[in-house]
């Protein structure tokens, strides 16, 4: 697949992966979400008043540091990606 792919197409897929991850990282997140849902459904509310998060069940990733970055408008993000791709 990579042999027939242009550099630009490959870069677009890399940008897409930053926005909407896929592959092993995505599978790990999906697993964490399912396990957190199960744990929250069956937890003892008196012993564990705070709900479990998906990060507690993910094997290969660290819990991200909380950030206070404002959400980017999707159209603005598309413009930024296009600008970066045309610079290359």
Protein backbone atom coordinates (compact mmCIF):
# COMPACT_ATOMS: atom_id res chain seq x y z
CA UNK A 1 0.00 0.00 0.00
CA UNK A 2 2.76 2.44 0.90
CA UNK A 3 4.55 1.79 -2.40
CA UNK A 4 1.64 3.26 -4.35
CA UNK A 5 0.97 6.15 -1.95
CA UNK A 6 2.17 9.66 -2.58
CA UNK A 7 4.00 11.61 0.11
CA UNK A 8 1.11 14.04 0.30
CA UNK A 9 -1.42 11.26 0.84
CA UNK A 10 0.77 9.76 3.56
CA UNK A 11 1.02 13.15 5.29
CA UNK A 12 -2.75 13.56 5.12
CA UNK A 13 -3.20 10.18 6.81
CA UNK A 14 -0.73 11.21 9.52
CA UNK A 15 -2.71 14.39 10.16
CA UNK A 16 -5.96 12.43 10.22
CA UNK A 17 -4.46 10.01 12.77
CA UNK A 18 -3.63 12.96 15.04
CA UNK A 19 -7.26 14.11 14.91
CA UNK A 20 -8.97 10.72 14.96
CA UNK A 21 -6.55 7.98 16.09
CA UNK A 22 -6.78 4.50 14.64
CA UNK A 23 -4.81 1.28 15.05
CA UNK A 24 -3.46 -0.08 18.34
CA UNK A 25 -3.82 3.22 20.19
CA UNK A 26 -7.50 3.40 19.26
CA UNK A 27 -8.08 -0.24 20.24
CA UNK A 28 -6.48 0.42 23.62
CA UNK A 29 -8.81 3.38 24.19
CA UNK A 30 -11.84 1.34 23.19
CA UNK A 31 -10.83 -1.41 25.64
CA UNK A 32 -10.40 1.15 28.43
CA UNK A 33 -13.82 2.62 27.78
CA UNK A 34 -15.53 -0.77 27.92
CA UNK A 35 -13.76 -1.78 31.12
CA UNK A 36 -14.49 1.56 32.81
CA UNK A 37 -18.15 1.21 31.91
CA UNK A 38 -18.24 -2.30 33.39
CA UNK A 39 -16.37 -1.23 36.55
CA UNK A 40 -18.64 1.77 37.08
CA UNK A 41 -21.75 -0.34 36.70
CA UNK A 42 -20.55 -2.85 39.32
CA UNK A 43 -18.67 -0.58 41.72
CA UNK A 44 -19.42 -0.13 45.41
CA UNK A 45 -20.55 3.51 45.51
CA UNK A 46 -19.57 3.91 49.17
CA UNK A 47 -16.02 2.58 48.74
CA UNK A 48 -15.47 4.18 45.32
CA UNK A 49 -17.49 7.40 45.05
CA UNK A 50 -15.51 8.62 42.04
CA UNK A 51 -16.18 6.83 38.77
CA UNK A 52 -13.44 4.86 37.02
CA UNK A 53 -11.93 6.34 33.88
CA UNK A 54 -10.78 4.59 30.75
CA UNK A 55 -7.15 5.56 31.51
CA UNK A 56 -7.14 3.25 34.52
CA UNK A 57 -7.65 0.24 32.24
CA UNK A 58 -5.32 1.11 29.39
CA UNK A 59 -2.18 -1.02 29.40
CA UNK A 60 0.15 0.85 27.08
CA UNK A 61 -0.60 4.52 27.56
CA UNK A 62 -0.13 6.98 30.35
CA UNK A 63 -2.94 9.17 31.56
CA UNK A 64 -2.63 12.48 29.76
CA UNK A 65 -1.99 15.64 31.71
CA UNK A 66 -5.08 17.85 31.85
CA UNK A 67 -4.83 20.74 29.44
CA UNK A 68 -6.85 23.87 29.21
CA UNK A 69 -6.55 24.29 25.47
CA UNK A 70 -9.70 25.62 23.83
CA UNK A 71 -11.34 23.29 21.35
CA UNK A 72 -10.37 24.04 17.78
CA UNK A 73 -13.08 24.76 15.28
CA UNK A 74 -13.07 21.92 12.68
CA UNK A 75 -13.01 24.36 9.78
CA UNK A 76 -10.07 26.22 11.32
CA UNK A 77 -8.25 22.92 11.85
CA UNK A 78 -8.84 22.00 8.19
CA UNK A 79 -7.36 25.34 7.12
CA UNK A 80 -4.32 24.78 9.34
CA UNK A 81 -3.74 21.30 7.91
CA UNK A 82 -4.10 22.56 4.35
CA UNK A 83 -1.66 25.39 5.04
CA UNK A 84 0.91 22.99 6.49
CA UNK A 85 0.56 20.54 3.58
CA UNK A 86 1.02 23.25 0.97
CA UNK A 87 4.18 24.50 2.68
CA UNK A 88 5.89 21.13 2.22
